[in-house]
């Protein structure tokens, strides 16, 4: 199973989202599945898209861009422990070592927020 974790400044988890077989849109706007309070983020800043047993991160033409492991990207296949920065927010992508097995969640679900502190 793959998870996107939003980190607080002190490094603890702020929020978690379980990634399934539908895209997860991250941003500060109402249409984002993962809504973040960050004035430096676009309303729809980036999305994580399942593709062929892996997950792609796509910047959604955000004003300030998206970085993965310190490099600005427009699209990249995510790997375990990738560090994502969007606006002033930090995220970590985690997944099982075998990303070939996709989660069994199907259909038109909203990505599930696992924890919010």
PDB file of N, CA and C in Angstrom:
ATOM      1  N   UNK A   1       0.837  -1.173   0.000  1.00  0.00           N
ATOM      2  CA  UNK A   1       0.000   0.000   0.000  1.00  0.00           C
ATOM      3  C   UNK A   1       0.886   1.241   0.000  1.00  0.00           C
ATOM      4  N   UNK A   2       0.465   2.264  -0.711  1.00  0.00           N
ATOM      5  CA  UNK A   2       1.210   3.515  -0.791  1.00  0.00           C
ATOM      6  C   UNK A   2       0.470   4.589  -0.005  1.00  0.00           C
ATOM      7  N   UNK A   3       1.254   5.493   0.575  1.00  0.00           N
ATOM      8  CA  UNK A   3       0.700   6.551   1.423  1.00  0.00           C
ATOM      9  C   UNK A   3       1.449   7.847   1.170  1.00  0.00           C
ATOM     10  N   UNK A   4       0.721   8.946   1.148  1.00  0.00           N
ATOM     11  CA  UNK A   4       1.317  10.272   1.113  1.00  0.00           C
ATOM     12  C   UNK A   4       1.167  10.865   2.504  1.00  0.00           C
ATOM     13  N   UNK A   5       2.276  11.351   3.074  1.00  0.00           N
ATOM     14  CA  UNK A   5       2.265  11.910   4.420  1.00  0.00           C
ATOM     15  C   UNK A   5       2.623  13.388   4.348  1.00  0.00           C
ATOM     16  N   UNK A   6       1.771  14.220   4.915  1.00  0.00           N
ATOM     17  CA  UNK A   6       2.043  15.656   5.050  1.00  0.00           C
ATOM     18  C   UNK A   6       2.741  15.834   6.392  1.00  0.00           C
ATOM     19  N   UNK A   7       3.909  16.464   6.389  1.00  0.00           N
ATOM     20  CA  UNK A   7       4.716  16.617   7.592  1.00  0.00           C
ATOM     21  C   UNK A   7       4.582  18.005   8.197  1.00  0.00           C
ATOM     22  N   UNK A   8       4.567  18.062   9.517  1.00  0.00           N
ATOM     23  CA  UNK A   8       4.635  19.335  10.238  1.00  0.00           C
ATOM     24  C   UNK A   8       6.082  19.812  10.219  1.00  0.00           C
ATOM     25  N   UNK A   9       6.298  21.064  10.615  1.00  0.00           N
ATOM     26  CA  UNK A   9       7.643  21.611  10.654  1.00  0.00           C
ATOM     27  C   UNK A   9       8.570  20.829  11.575  1.00  0.00           C
ATOM     28  N   UNK A  10       8.026  20.254  12.654  1.00  0.00           N
ATOM     29  CA  UNK A  10       8.860  19.493  13.588  1.00  0.00           C
ATOM     30  C   UNK A  10       9.118  18.060  13.123  1.00  0.00           C
ATOM     31  N   UNK A  11       8.616  17.710  11.935  1.00  0.00           N
ATOM     32  CA  UNK A  11       8.850  16.380  11.373  1.00  0.00           C
ATOM     33  C   UNK A  11       7.798  15.346  11.700  1.00  0.00           C
ATOM     34  N   UNK A  12       6.854  15.676  12.569  1.00  0.00           N
ATOM     35  CA  UNK A  12       5.793  14.724  12.870  1.00  0.00           C
ATOM     36  C   UNK A  12       4.734  14.763  11.770  1.00  0.00           C
ATOM     37  N   UNK A  13       3.915  13.727  11.740  1.00  0.00           N
ATOM     38  CA  UNK A  13       2.876  13.619  10.720  1.00  0.00           C
ATOM     39  C   UNK A  13       1.733  14.581  11.014  1.00  0.00           C
ATOM     40  N   UNK A  14       1.327  15.343  10.002  1.00  0.00           N
ATOM     41  CA  UNK A  14       0.160  16.215  10.110  1.00  0.00           C
ATOM     42  C   UNK A  14      -1.076  15.491   9.575  1.00  0.00           C
ATOM     43  N   UNK A  15      -0.936  14.882   8.387  1.00  0.00           N
ATOM     44  CA  UNK A  15      -2.040  14.178   7.733  1.00  0.00           C
ATOM     45  C   UNK A  15      -1.461  13.042   6.903  1.00  0.00           C
ATOM     46  N   UNK A  16      -2.299  12.034   6.638  1.00  0.00           N
ATOM     47  CA  UNK A  16      -1.909  10.902   5.787  1.00  0.00           C
ATOM     48  C   UNK A  16      -3.062  10.579   4.846  1.00  0.00           C
ATOM     49  N   UNK A  17      -2.708  10.205   3.624  1.00  0.00           N
ATOM     50  CA  UNK A  17      -3.707   9.759   2.663  1.00  0.00           C
ATOM     51  C   UNK A  17      -3.256   8.436   2.061  1.00  0.00           C
ATOM     52  N   UNK A  18      -4.147   7.478   2.089  1.00  0.00           N
ATOM     53  CA  UNK A  18      -3.916   6.188   1.451  1.00  0.00           C
ATOM     54  C   UNK A  18      -4.137   6.373  -0.047  1.00  0.00           C
ATOM     55  N   UNK A  19      -3.180   5.926  -0.850  1.00  0.00           N
ATOM     56  CA  UNK A  19      -3.301   6.063  -2.298  1.00  0.00           C
ATOM     57  C   UNK A  19      -3.902   4.789  -2.872  1.00  0.00           C
ATOM     58  N   UNK A  20      -4.843   4.952  -3.746  1.00  0.00           N
ATOM     59  CA  UNK A  20      -5.523   3.814  -4.354  1.00  0.00           C
ATOM     60  C   UNK A  20      -5.375   3.835  -5.855  1.00  0.00           C
ATOM     61  N   UNK A  21      -6.466   3.521  -6.542  1.00  0.00           N
ATOM     62  CA  UNK A  21      -6.415   3.415  -8.007  1.00  0.00           C
ATOM     63  C   UNK A  21      -7.038   4.615  -8.707  1.00  0.00           C
ATOM     64  N   UNK A  22      -7.234   5.717  -7.978  1.00  0.00           N
ATOM     65  CA  UNK A  22      -7.694   6.973  -8.575  1.00  0.00           C
ATOM     66  C   UNK A  22      -6.698   8.064  -8.196  1.00  0.00           C
ATOM     67  N   UNK A  23      -6.559   9.092  -9.016  1.00  0.00           N
ATOM     68  CA  UNK A  23      -5.618  10.164  -8.708  1.00  0.00           C
ATOM     69  C   UNK A  23      -5.962  10.890  -7.408  1.00  0.00           C
ATOM     70  N   UNK A  24      -4.938  11.359  -6.733  1.00  0.00           N
ATOM     71  CA  UNK A  24      -5.072  12.192  -5.539  1.00  0.00           C
ATOM     72  C   UNK A  24      -4.570  13.578  -5.905  1.00  0.00           C
ATOM     73  N   UNK A  25      -5.441  14.575  -5.836  1.00  0.00           N
ATOM     74  CA  UNK A  25      -5.055  15.961  -6.130  1.00  0.00           C
ATOM     75  C   UNK A  25      -4.765  16.662  -4.813  1.00  0.00           C
ATOM     76  N   UNK A  26      -3.602  17.321  -4.750  1.00  0.00           N
ATOM     77  CA  UNK A  26      -3.154  18.008  -3.544  1.00  0.00           C
ATOM     78  C   UNK A  26      -3.106  19.506  -3.831  1.00  0.00           C
ATOM     79  N   UNK A  27      -3.683  20.299  -2.955  1.00  0.00           N
ATOM     80  CA  UNK A  27      -3.661  21.749  -3.114  1.00  0.00           C
ATOM     81  C   UNK A  27      -4.464  22.420  -2.028  1.00  0.00           C
ATOM     82  N   UNK A  28      -4.633  23.723  -2.152  1.00  0.00           N
ATOM     83  CA  UNK A  28      -5.361  24.475  -1.127  1.00  0.00           C
ATOM     84  C   UNK A  28      -6.810  24.736  -1.514  1.00  0.00           C
ATOM     85  N   UNK A  29      -7.210  24.376  -2.724  1.00  0.00           N
ATOM     86  CA  UNK A  29      -8.553  24.682  -3.205  1.00  0.00           C
ATOM     87  C   UNK A  29      -9.592  23.637  -2.862  1.00  0.00           C
ATOM     88  N   UNK A  30     -10.846  24.006  -3.103  1.00  0.00           N
ATOM     89  CA  UNK A  30     -11.974  23.131  -2.788  1.00  0.00           C
ATOM     90  C   UNK A  30     -12.002  21.856  -3.622  1.00  0.00           C
ATOM     91  N   UNK A  31     -11.408  21.875  -4.808  1.00  0.00           N
ATOM     92  CA  UNK A  31     -11.422  20.689  -5.676  1.00  0.00           C
ATOM     93  C   UNK A  31     -10.296  19.708  -5.351  1.00  0.00           C
ATOM     94  N   UNK A  32      -9.408  20.068  -4.446  1.00  0.00           N
ATOM     95  CA  UNK A  32      -8.317  19.167  -4.055  1.00  0.00           C
ATOM     96  C   UNK A  32      -8.857  18.101  -3.107  1.00  0.00           C
ATOM     97  N   UNK A  33      -8.420  16.861  -3.297  1.00  0.00           N
ATOM     98  CA  UNK A  33      -8.790  15.774  -2.388  1.00  0.00           C
ATOM     99  C   UNK A  33      -8.042  15.917  -1.069  1.00  0.00           C
ATOM    100  N   UNK A  34      -6.786  16.323  -1.166  1.00  0.00           N
ATOM    101  CA  UNK A  34      -5.934  16.546  -0.005  1.00  0.00           C
ATOM    102  C   UNK A  34      -5.761  18.059   0.124  1.00  0.00           C
ATOM    103  N   UNK A  35      -6.604  18.687   0.958  1.00  0.00           N
ATOM    104  CA  UNK A  35      -6.581  20.144   1.096  1.00  0.00           C
ATOM    105  C   UNK A  35      -5.570  20.552   2.153  1.00  0.00           C
ATOM    106  N   UNK A  36      -4.681  21.461   1.753  1.00  0.00           N
ATOM    107  CA  UNK A  36      -3.596  21.922   2.603  1.00  0.00           C
ATOM    108  C   UNK A  36      -3.739  23.430   2.803  1.00  0.00           C
ATOM    109  N   UNK A  37      -3.611  23.888   4.029  1.00  0.00           N
ATOM    110  CA  UNK A  37      -3.632  25.321   4.321  1.00  0.00           C
ATOM    111  C   UNK A  37      -2.220  25.849   4.140  1.00  0.00           C
ATOM    112  N   UNK A  38      -1.947  26.376   2.949  1.00  0.00           N
ATOM    113  CA  UNK A  38      -0.616  26.880   2.605  1.00  0.00           C
ATOM    114  C   UNK A  38      -0.811  27.905   1.490  1.00  0.00           C
ATOM    115  N   UNK A  39      -0.631  29.175   1.805  1.00  0.00           N
ATOM    116  CA  UNK A  39      -0.839  30.241   0.834  1.00  0.00           C
ATOM    117  C   UNK A  39       0.110  30.207  -0.341  1.00  0.00           C
ATOM    118  N   UNK A  40       1.190  29.446  -0.251  1.00  0.00           N
ATOM    119  CA  UNK A  40       2.159  29.332  -1.345  1.00  0.00           C
ATOM    120  C   UNK A  40       1.807  28.204  -2.312  1.00  0.00           C
ATOM    121  N   UNK A  41       0.812  27.396  -1.969  1.00  0.00           N
ATOM    122  CA  UNK A  41       0.383  26.316  -2.858  1.00  0.00           C
ATOM    123  C   UNK A  41      -0.709  26.806  -3.786  1.00  0.00           C
ATOM    124  N   UNK A  42      -0.775  26.221  -4.964  1.00  0.00           N
ATOM    125  CA  UNK A  42      -1.862  26.492  -5.896  1.00  0.00           C
ATOM    126  C   UNK A  42      -3.109  25.747  -5.433  1.00  0.00           C
ATOM    127  N   UNK A  43      -4.251  26.141  -5.974  1.00  0.00           N
ATOM    128  CA  UNK A  43      -5.500  25.469  -5.604  1.00  0.00           C
ATOM    129  C   UNK A  43      -5.448  23.979  -5.937  1.00  0.00           C
ATOM    130  N   UNK A  44      -4.891  23.653  -7.091  1.00  0.00           N
ATOM    131  CA  UNK A  44      -4.617  22.267  -7.479  1.00  0.00           C
ATOM    132  C   UNK A  44      -3.137  22.245  -7.831  1.00  0.00           C
ATOM    133  N   UNK A  45      -2.310  21.892  -6.869  1.00  0.00           N
ATOM    134  CA  UNK A  45      -0.865  22.055  -7.009  1.00  0.00           C
ATOM    135  C   UNK A  45      -0.214  20.873  -7.729  1.00  0.00           C
ATOM    136  N   UNK A  46      -0.440  19.657  -7.210  1.00  0.00           N
ATOM    137  CA  UNK A  46       0.082  18.466  -7.882  1.00  0.00           C
ATOM    138  C   UNK A  46      -0.887  17.321  -7.676  1.00  0.00           C
ATOM    139  N   UNK A  47      -0.710  16.294  -8.494  1.00  0.00           N
ATOM    140  CA  UNK A  47      -1.520  15.083  -8.338  1.00  0.00           C
ATOM    141  C   UNK A  47      -0.614  13.875  -8.332  1.00  0.00           C
ATOM    142  N   UNK A  48      -1.079  12.840  -7.674  1.00  0.00           N
ATOM    143  CA  UNK A  48      -0.388  11.551  -7.689  1.00  0.00           C
ATOM    144  C   UNK A  48      -1.317  10.584  -8.401  1.00  0.00           C
ATOM    145  N   UNK A  49      -0.814   9.988  -9.473  1.00  0.00           N
ATOM    146  CA  UNK A  49      -1.619   9.170 -10.365  1.00  0.00           C
ATOM    147  C   UNK A  49      -1.090   7.736 -10.383  1.00  0.00           C
ATOM    148  N   UNK A  50      -1.949   6.746 -10.118  1.00  0.00           N
ATOM    149  CA  UNK A  50      -1.499   5.356 -10.233  1.00  0.00           C
ATOM    150  C   UNK A  50      -1.313   5.000 -11.704  1.00  0.00           C
ATOM    151  N   UNK A  51      -0.218   4.292 -11.996  1.00  0.00           N
ATOM    152  CA  UNK A  51       0.034   3.912 -13.384  1.00  0.00           C
ATOM    153  C   UNK A  51       0.919   2.672 -13.417  1.00  0.00           C
ATOM    154  N   UNK A  52       0.386   1.591 -13.956  1.00  0.00           N
ATOM    155  CA  UNK A  52       1.142   0.351 -14.180  1.00  0.00           C
ATOM    156  C   UNK A  52       1.882  -0.118 -12.927  1.00  0.00           C
ATOM    157  N   UNK A  53       1.171  -0.163 -11.794  1.00  0.00           N
ATOM    158  CA  UNK A  53       1.765  -0.673 -10.566  1.00  0.00           C
ATOM    159  C   UNK A  53       2.688   0.291  -9.857  1.00  0.00           C
ATOM    160  N   UNK A  54       2.715   1.547 -10.296  1.00  0.00           N
ATOM    161  CA  UNK A  54       3.562   2.563  -9.667  1.00  0.00           C
ATOM    162  C   UNK A  54       2.714   3.825  -9.505  1.00  0.00           C
ATOM    163  N   UNK A  55       3.342   4.873  -9.010  1.00  0.00           N
ATOM    164  CA  UNK A  55       2.659   6.155  -8.844  1.00  0.00           C
ATOM    165  C   UNK A  55       3.491   7.261  -9.467  1.00  0.00           C
ATOM    166  N   UNK A  56       2.818   8.103 -10.269  1.00  0.00           N
ATOM    167  CA  UNK A  56       3.458   9.261 -10.879  1.00  0.00           C
ATOM    168  C   UNK A  56       3.008  10.519 -10.161  1.00  0.00           C
ATOM    169  N   UNK A  57       3.934  11.421  -9.938  1.00  0.00           N
ATOM    170  CA  UNK A  57       3.595  12.752  -9.445  1.00  0.00           C
ATOM    171  C   UNK A  57       3.627  13.679 -10.648  1.00  0.00           C
ATOM    172  N   UNK A  58       2.561  14.471 -10.797  1.00  0.00           N
ATOM    173  CA  UNK A  58       2.487  15.457 -11.880  1.00  0.00           C
ATOM    174  C   UNK A  58       2.187  16.825 -11.279  1.00  0.00           C
ATOM    175  N   UNK A  59       3.043  17.785 -11.575  1.00  0.00           N
ATOM    176  CA  UNK A  59       2.762  19.162 -11.196  1.00  0.00           C
ATOM    177  C   UNK A  59       1.612  19.633 -12.077  1.00  0.00           C
ATOM    178  N   UNK A  60       0.664  20.343 -11.492  1.00  0.00           N
ATOM    179  CA  UNK A  60      -0.522  20.783 -12.240  1.00  0.00           C
ATOM    180  C   UNK A  60      -0.392  22.250 -12.639  1.00  0.00           C
ATOM    181  N   UNK A  61       0.765  22.576 -13.225  1.00  0.00           N
ATOM    182  CA  UNK A  61       1.072  23.936 -13.677  1.00  0.00           C
ATOM    183  C   UNK A  61       0.950  24.929 -12.523  1.00  0.00           C
ATOM    184  N   UNK A  62       1.480  24.507 -11.377  1.00  0.00           N
ATOM    185  CA  UNK A  62       1.422  25.352 -10.190  1.00  0.00           C
ATOM    186  C   UNK A  62       2.322  26.567 -10.356  1.00  0.00           C
ATOM    187  N   UNK A  63       1.968  27.629  -9.673  1.00  0.00           N
ATOM    188  CA  UNK A  63       2.720  28.877  -9.756  1.00  0.00           C
ATOM    189  C   UNK A  63       4.142  28.716  -9.219  1.00  0.00           C
ATOM    190  N   UNK A  64       4.302  28.039  -8.085  1.00  0.00           N
ATOM    191  CA  UNK A  64       5.605  27.922  -7.433  1.00  0.00           C
ATOM    192  C   UNK A  64       6.318  26.600  -7.685  1.00  0.00           C
ATOM    193  N   UNK A  65       5.708  25.715  -8.456  1.00  0.00           N
ATOM    194  CA  UNK A  65       6.358  24.459  -8.803  1.00  0.00           C
ATOM    195  C   UNK A  65       6.319  23.429  -7.687  1.00  0.00           C
ATOM    196  N   UNK A  66       6.729  22.217  -8.048  1.00  0.00           N
ATOM    197  CA  UNK A  66       6.794  21.090  -7.124  1.00  0.00           C
ATOM    198  C   UNK A  66       8.195  20.514  -7.183  1.00  0.00           C
ATOM    199  N   UNK A  67       8.752  20.196  -6.036  1.00  0.00           N
ATOM    200  CA  UNK A  67      10.087  19.602  -5.961  1.00  0.00           C
ATOM    201  C   UNK A  67       9.998  18.204  -5.378  1.00  0.00           C
ATOM    202  N   UNK A  68      10.788  17.303  -5.947  1.00  0.00           N
ATOM    203  CA  UNK A  68      10.953  15.962  -5.393  1.00  0.00           C
ATOM    204  C   UNK A  68      12.441  15.785  -5.133  1.00  0.00           C
ATOM    205  N   UNK A  69      12.767  15.526  -3.885  1.00  0.00           N
ATOM    206  CA  UNK A  69      14.165  15.370  -3.457  1.00  0.00           C
ATOM    207  C   UNK A  69      15.025  16.564  -3.888  1.00  0.00           C
ATOM    208  N   UNK A  70      14.447  17.758  -3.774  1.00  0.00           N
ATOM    209  CA  UNK A  70      15.182  18.990  -4.053  1.00  0.00           C
ATOM    210  C   UNK A  70      15.244  19.408  -5.508  1.00  0.00           C
ATOM    211  N   UNK A  71      14.671  18.629  -6.413  1.00  0.00           N
ATOM    212  CA  UNK A  71      14.692  18.947  -7.841  1.00  0.00           C
ATOM    213  C   UNK A  71      13.287  19.316  -8.313  1.00  0.00           C
ATOM    214  N   UNK A  72      13.175  20.434  -9.026  1.00  0.00           N
ATOM    215  CA  UNK A  72      11.876  20.830  -9.564  1.00  0.00           C
ATOM    216  C   UNK A  72      11.474  19.849 -10.655  1.00  0.00           C
ATOM    217  N   UNK A  73      10.225  19.398 -10.618  1.00  0.00           N
ATOM    218  CA  UNK A  73       9.747  18.396 -11.566  1.00  0.00           C
ATOM    219  C   UNK A  73       8.406  18.815 -12.152  1.00  0.00           C
ATOM    220  N   UNK A  74       8.128  18.298 -13.340  1.00  0.00           N
ATOM    221  CA  UNK A  74       6.788  18.421 -13.906  1.00  0.00           C
ATOM    222  C   UNK A  74       6.078  17.070 -13.826  1.00  0.00           C
ATOM    223  N   UNK A  75       6.862  15.968 -13.932  1.00  0.00           N
ATOM    224  CA  UNK A  75       6.323  14.623 -13.792  1.00  0.00           C
ATOM    225  C   UNK A  75       7.470  13.692 -13.422  1.00  0.00           C
ATOM    226  N   UNK A  76       7.202  12.789 -12.464  1.00  0.00           N
ATOM    227  CA  UNK A  76       8.229  11.848 -12.036  1.00  0.00           C
ATOM    228  C   UNK A  76       7.559  10.632 -11.404  1.00  0.00           C
ATOM    229  N   UNK A  77       8.152   9.459 -11.609  1.00  0.00           N
ATOM    230  CA  UNK A  77       7.676   8.261 -10.927  1.00  0.00           C
ATOM    231  C   UNK A  77       8.217   8.287  -9.507  1.00  0.00           C
ATOM    232  N   UNK A  78       7.322   8.149  -8.546  1.00  0.00           N
ATOM    233  CA  UNK A  78       7.721   8.223  -7.145  1.00  0.00           C
ATOM    234  C   UNK A  78       8.342   6.909  -6.671  1.00  0.00           C
ATOM    235  N   UNK A  79       9.298   7.057  -5.747  1.00  0.00           N
ATOM    236  CA  UNK A  79       9.960   5.912  -5.116  1.00  0.00           C
ATOM    237  C   UNK A  79       9.794   6.037  -3.612  1.00  0.00           C
ATOM    238  N   UNK A  80       9.998   4.928  -2.915  1.00  0.00           N
ATOM    239  CA  UNK A  80       9.898   4.899  -1.458  1.00  0.00           C
ATOM    240  C   UNK A  80      10.717   6.026  -0.837  1.00  0.00           C
ATOM    241  N   UNK A  81      10.123   6.754   0.080  1.00  0.00           N
ATOM    242  CA  UNK A  81      10.763   7.808   0.869  1.00  0.00           C
ATOM    243  C   UNK A  81      11.111   9.053   0.057  1.00  0.00           C
ATOM    244  N   UNK A  82      10.500   9.249  -1.117  1.00  0.00           N
ATOM    245  CA  UNK A  82      10.712  10.498  -1.846  1.00  0.00           C
ATOM    246  C   UNK A  82      10.178  11.658  -1.016  1.00  0.00           C
ATOM    247  N   UNK A  83      10.938  12.745  -0.987  1.00  0.00           N
ATOM    248  CA  UNK A  83      10.588  13.954  -0.251  1.00  0.00           C
ATOM    249  C   UNK A  83       9.998  14.951  -1.248  1.00  0.00           C
ATOM    250  N   UNK A  84       8.797  15.411  -0.979  1.00  0.00           N
ATOM    251  CA  UNK A  84       8.074  16.305  -1.892  1.00  0.00           C
ATOM    252  C   UNK A  84       7.876  17.650  -1.200  1.00  0.00           C
ATOM    253  N   UNK A  85       8.123  18.713  -1.952  1.00  0.00           N
ATOM    254  CA  UNK A  85       7.871  20.054  -1.429  1.00  0.00           C
ATOM    255  C   UNK A  85       6.983  20.800  -2.410  1.00  0.00           C
ATOM    256  N   UNK A  86       5.929  21.396  -1.873  1.00  0.00           N
ATOM    257  CA  UNK A  86       5.003  22.209  -2.657  1.00  0.00           C
ATOM    258  C   UNK A  86       4.659  23.414  -1.804  1.00  0.00           C
ATOM    259  N   UNK A  87       4.917  24.595  -2.297  1.00  0.00           N
ATOM    260  CA  UNK A  87       4.737  25.787  -1.485  1.00  0.00           C
ATOM    261  C   UNK A  87       5.657  25.710  -0.281  1.00  0.00           C
ATOM    262  N   UNK A  88       5.109  25.905   0.907  1.00  0.00           N
ATOM    263  CA  UNK A  88       5.880  25.775   2.145  1.00  0.00           C
ATOM    264  C   UNK A  88       5.637  24.426   2.818  1.00  0.00           C
ATOM    265  N   UNK A  89       4.955  23.515   2.127  1.00  0.00           N
ATOM    266  CA  UNK A  89       4.569  22.230   2.711  1.00  0.00           C
ATOM    267  C   UNK A  89       5.505  21.109   2.275  1.00  0.00           C
ATOM    268  N   UNK A  90       5.707  20.168   3.199  1.00  0.00           N
ATOM    269  CA  UNK A  90       6.577  19.027   2.951  1.00  0.00           C
ATOM    270  C   UNK A  90       5.770  17.739   3.080  1.00  0.00           C
ATOM    271  N   UNK A  91       6.065  16.801   2.161  1.00  0.00           N
ATOM    272  CA  UNK A  91       5.379  15.518   2.122  1.00  0.00           C
ATOM    273  C   UNK A  91       6.412  14.415   1.948  1.00  0.00           C
ATOM    274  N   UNK A  92       6.020  13.195   2.329  1.00  0.00           N
ATOM    275  CA  UNK A  92       6.848  12.013   2.101  1.00  0.00           C
ATOM    276  C   UNK A  92       5.953  10.964   1.454  1.00  0.00           C
ATOM    277  N   UNK A  93       6.483  10.316   0.424  1.00  0.00           N
ATOM    278  CA  UNK A  93       5.779   9.218  -0.235  1.00  0.00           C
ATOM    279  C   UNK A  93       6.356   7.919   0.309  1.00  0.00           C
ATOM    280  N   UNK A  94       5.496   7.054   0.823  1.00  0.00           N
ATOM    281  CA  UNK A  94       5.956   5.741   1.261  1.00  0.00           C
ATOM    282  C   UNK A  94       5.113   4.675   0.581  1.00  0.00           C
ATOM    283  N   UNK A  95       5.736   3.550   0.309  1.00  0.00           N
ATOM    284  CA  UNK A  95       5.047   2.435  -0.334  1.00  0.00           C
ATOM    285  C   UNK A  95       5.739   1.152   0.070  1.00  0.00           C
ATOM    286  N   UNK A  96       5.009   0.066  -0.049  1.00  0.00           N
ATOM    287  CA  UNK A  96       5.618  -1.237   0.189  1.00  0.00           C
ATOM    288  C   UNK A  96       6.746  -1.431  -0.803  1.00  0.00           C
ATOM    289  N   UNK A  97       7.695  -2.261  -0.445  1.00  0.00           N
ATOM    290  CA  UNK A  97       8.833  -2.524  -1.328  1.00  0.00           C
ATOM    291  C   UNK A  97       8.366  -3.046  -2.680  1.00  0.00           C
ATOM    292  N   UNK A  98       7.313  -3.860  -2.692  1.00  0.00           N
ATOM    293  CA  UNK A  98       6.781  -4.397  -3.945  1.00  0.00           C
ATOM    294  C   UNK A  98       5.617  -3.530  -4.384  1.00  0.00           C
ATOM    295  N   UNK A  99       5.898  -2.513  -5.214  1.00  0.00           N
ATOM    296  CA  UNK A  99       4.822  -1.640  -5.691  1.00  0.00           C
ATOM    297  C   UNK A  99       4.071  -2.256  -6.854  1.00  0.00           C
ATOM    298  N   UNK A 100       4.423  -3.477  -7.247  1.00  0.00           N
ATOM    299  CA  UNK A 100       3.716  -4.141  -8.322  1.00  0.00           C
ATOM    300  C   UNK A 100       2.310  -4.535  -7.936  1.00  0.00           C
ATOM    301  N   UNK A 101       2.036  -4.662  -6.657  1.00  0.00           N
ATOM    302  CA  UNK A 101       0.685  -5.011  -6.229  1.00  0.00           C
ATOM    303  C   UNK A 101      -0.048  -3.751  -5.807  1.00  0.00           C
ATOM    304  N   UNK A 102      -1.064  -3.392  -6.573  1.00  0.00           N
ATOM    305  CA  UNK A 102      -1.829  -2.187  -6.302  1.00  0.00           C
ATOM    306  C   UNK A 102      -2.842  -2.457  -5.199  1.00  0.00           C
ATOM    307  N   UNK A 103      -3.216  -1.461  -4.432  1.00  0.00           N
ATOM    308  CA  UNK A 103      -4.275  -1.624  -3.436  1.00  0.00           C
ATOM    309  C   UNK A 103      -5.561  -2.081  -4.103  1.00  0.00           C
ATOM    310  N   UNK A 104      -6.414  -2.720  -3.343  1.00  0.00           N
ATOM    311  CA  UNK A 104      -7.617  -3.304  -3.909  1.00  0.00           C
ATOM    312  C   UNK A 104      -8.803  -2.344  -3.928  1.00  0.00           C
ATOM    313  N   UNK A 105      -8.621  -1.110  -3.520  1.00  0.00           N
ATOM    314  CA  UNK A 105      -9.711  -0.144  -3.548  1.00  0.00           C
ATOM    315  C   UNK A 105     -10.029   0.176  -5.008  1.00  0.00           C
ATOM    316  N   UNK A 106     -11.299   0.097  -5.366  1.00  0.00           N
ATOM    317  CA  UNK A 106     -11.685   0.363  -6.750  1.00  0.00           C
ATOM    318  C   UNK A 106     -12.875   1.314  -6.785  1.00  0.00           C
ATOM    319  N   UNK A 107     -13.173   1.796  -7.969  1.00  0.00           N
ATOM    320  CA  UNK A 107     -14.342   2.622  -8.167  1.00  0.00           C
ATOM    321  C   UNK A 107     -14.078   4.091  -7.932  1.00  0.00           C
ATOM    322  N   UNK A 108     -15.148   4.830  -7.769  1.00  0.00           N
ATOM    323  CA  UNK A 108     -15.064   6.282  -7.642  1.00  0.00           C
ATOM    324  C   UNK A 108     -15.028   6.685  -6.180  1.00  0.00           C
ATOM    325  N   UNK A 109     -13.991   6.298  -5.489  1.00  0.00           N
ATOM    326  CA  UNK A 109     -13.876   6.682  -4.086  1.00  0.00           C
ATOM    327  C   UNK A 109     -13.058   7.956  -3.960  1.00  0.00           C
ATOM    328  N   UNK A 110     -13.251   8.649  -2.891  1.00  0.00           N
ATOM    329  CA  UNK A 110     -12.373   9.754  -2.550  1.00  0.00           C
ATOM    330  C   UNK A 110     -11.216   9.151  -1.773  1.00  0.00           C
ATOM    331  N   UNK A 111      -9.984   9.601  -2.026  1.00  0.00           N
ATOM    332  CA  UNK A 111      -8.860   9.081  -1.253  1.00  0.00           C
ATOM    333  C   UNK A 111      -9.128   9.255   0.235  1.00  0.00           C
ATOM    334  N   UNK A 112      -8.760   8.259   0.993  1.00  0.00           N
ATOM    335  CA  UNK A 112      -9.064   8.209   2.417  1.00  0.00           C
ATOM    336  C   UNK A 112      -7.986   8.902   3.226  1.00  0.00           C
ATOM    337  N   UNK A 113      -8.385   9.876   4.038  1.00  0.00           N
ATOM    338  CA  UNK A 113      -7.438  10.503   4.951  1.00  0.00           C
ATOM    339  C   UNK A 113      -7.312   9.563   6.137  1.00  0.00           C
ATOM    340  N   UNK A 114      -6.093   9.117   6.420  1.00  0.00           N
ATOM    341  CA  UNK A 114      -5.880   8.150   7.466  1.00  0.00           C
ATOM    342  C   UNK A 114      -5.754   8.787   8.848  1.00  0.00           C
ATOM    343  N   UNK A 115      -5.115   9.955   8.911  1.00  0.00           N
ATOM    344  CA  UNK A 115      -4.870  10.544  10.227  1.00  0.00           C
ATOM    345  C   UNK A 115      -4.718  12.045  10.087  1.00  0.00           C
ATOM    346  N   UNK A 116      -5.333  12.772  10.972  1.00  0.00           N
ATOM    347  CA  UNK A 116      -5.165  14.215  11.006  1.00  0.00           C
ATOM    348  C   UNK A 116      -4.984  14.614  12.453  1.00  0.00           C
ATOM    349  N   UNK A 117      -3.915  15.344  12.711  1.00  0.00           N
ATOM    350  CA  UNK A 117      -3.646  15.776  14.089  1.00  0.00           C
ATOM    351  C   UNK A 117      -3.804  17.265  14.209  1.00  0.00           C
TER     352      UNK A 117
END
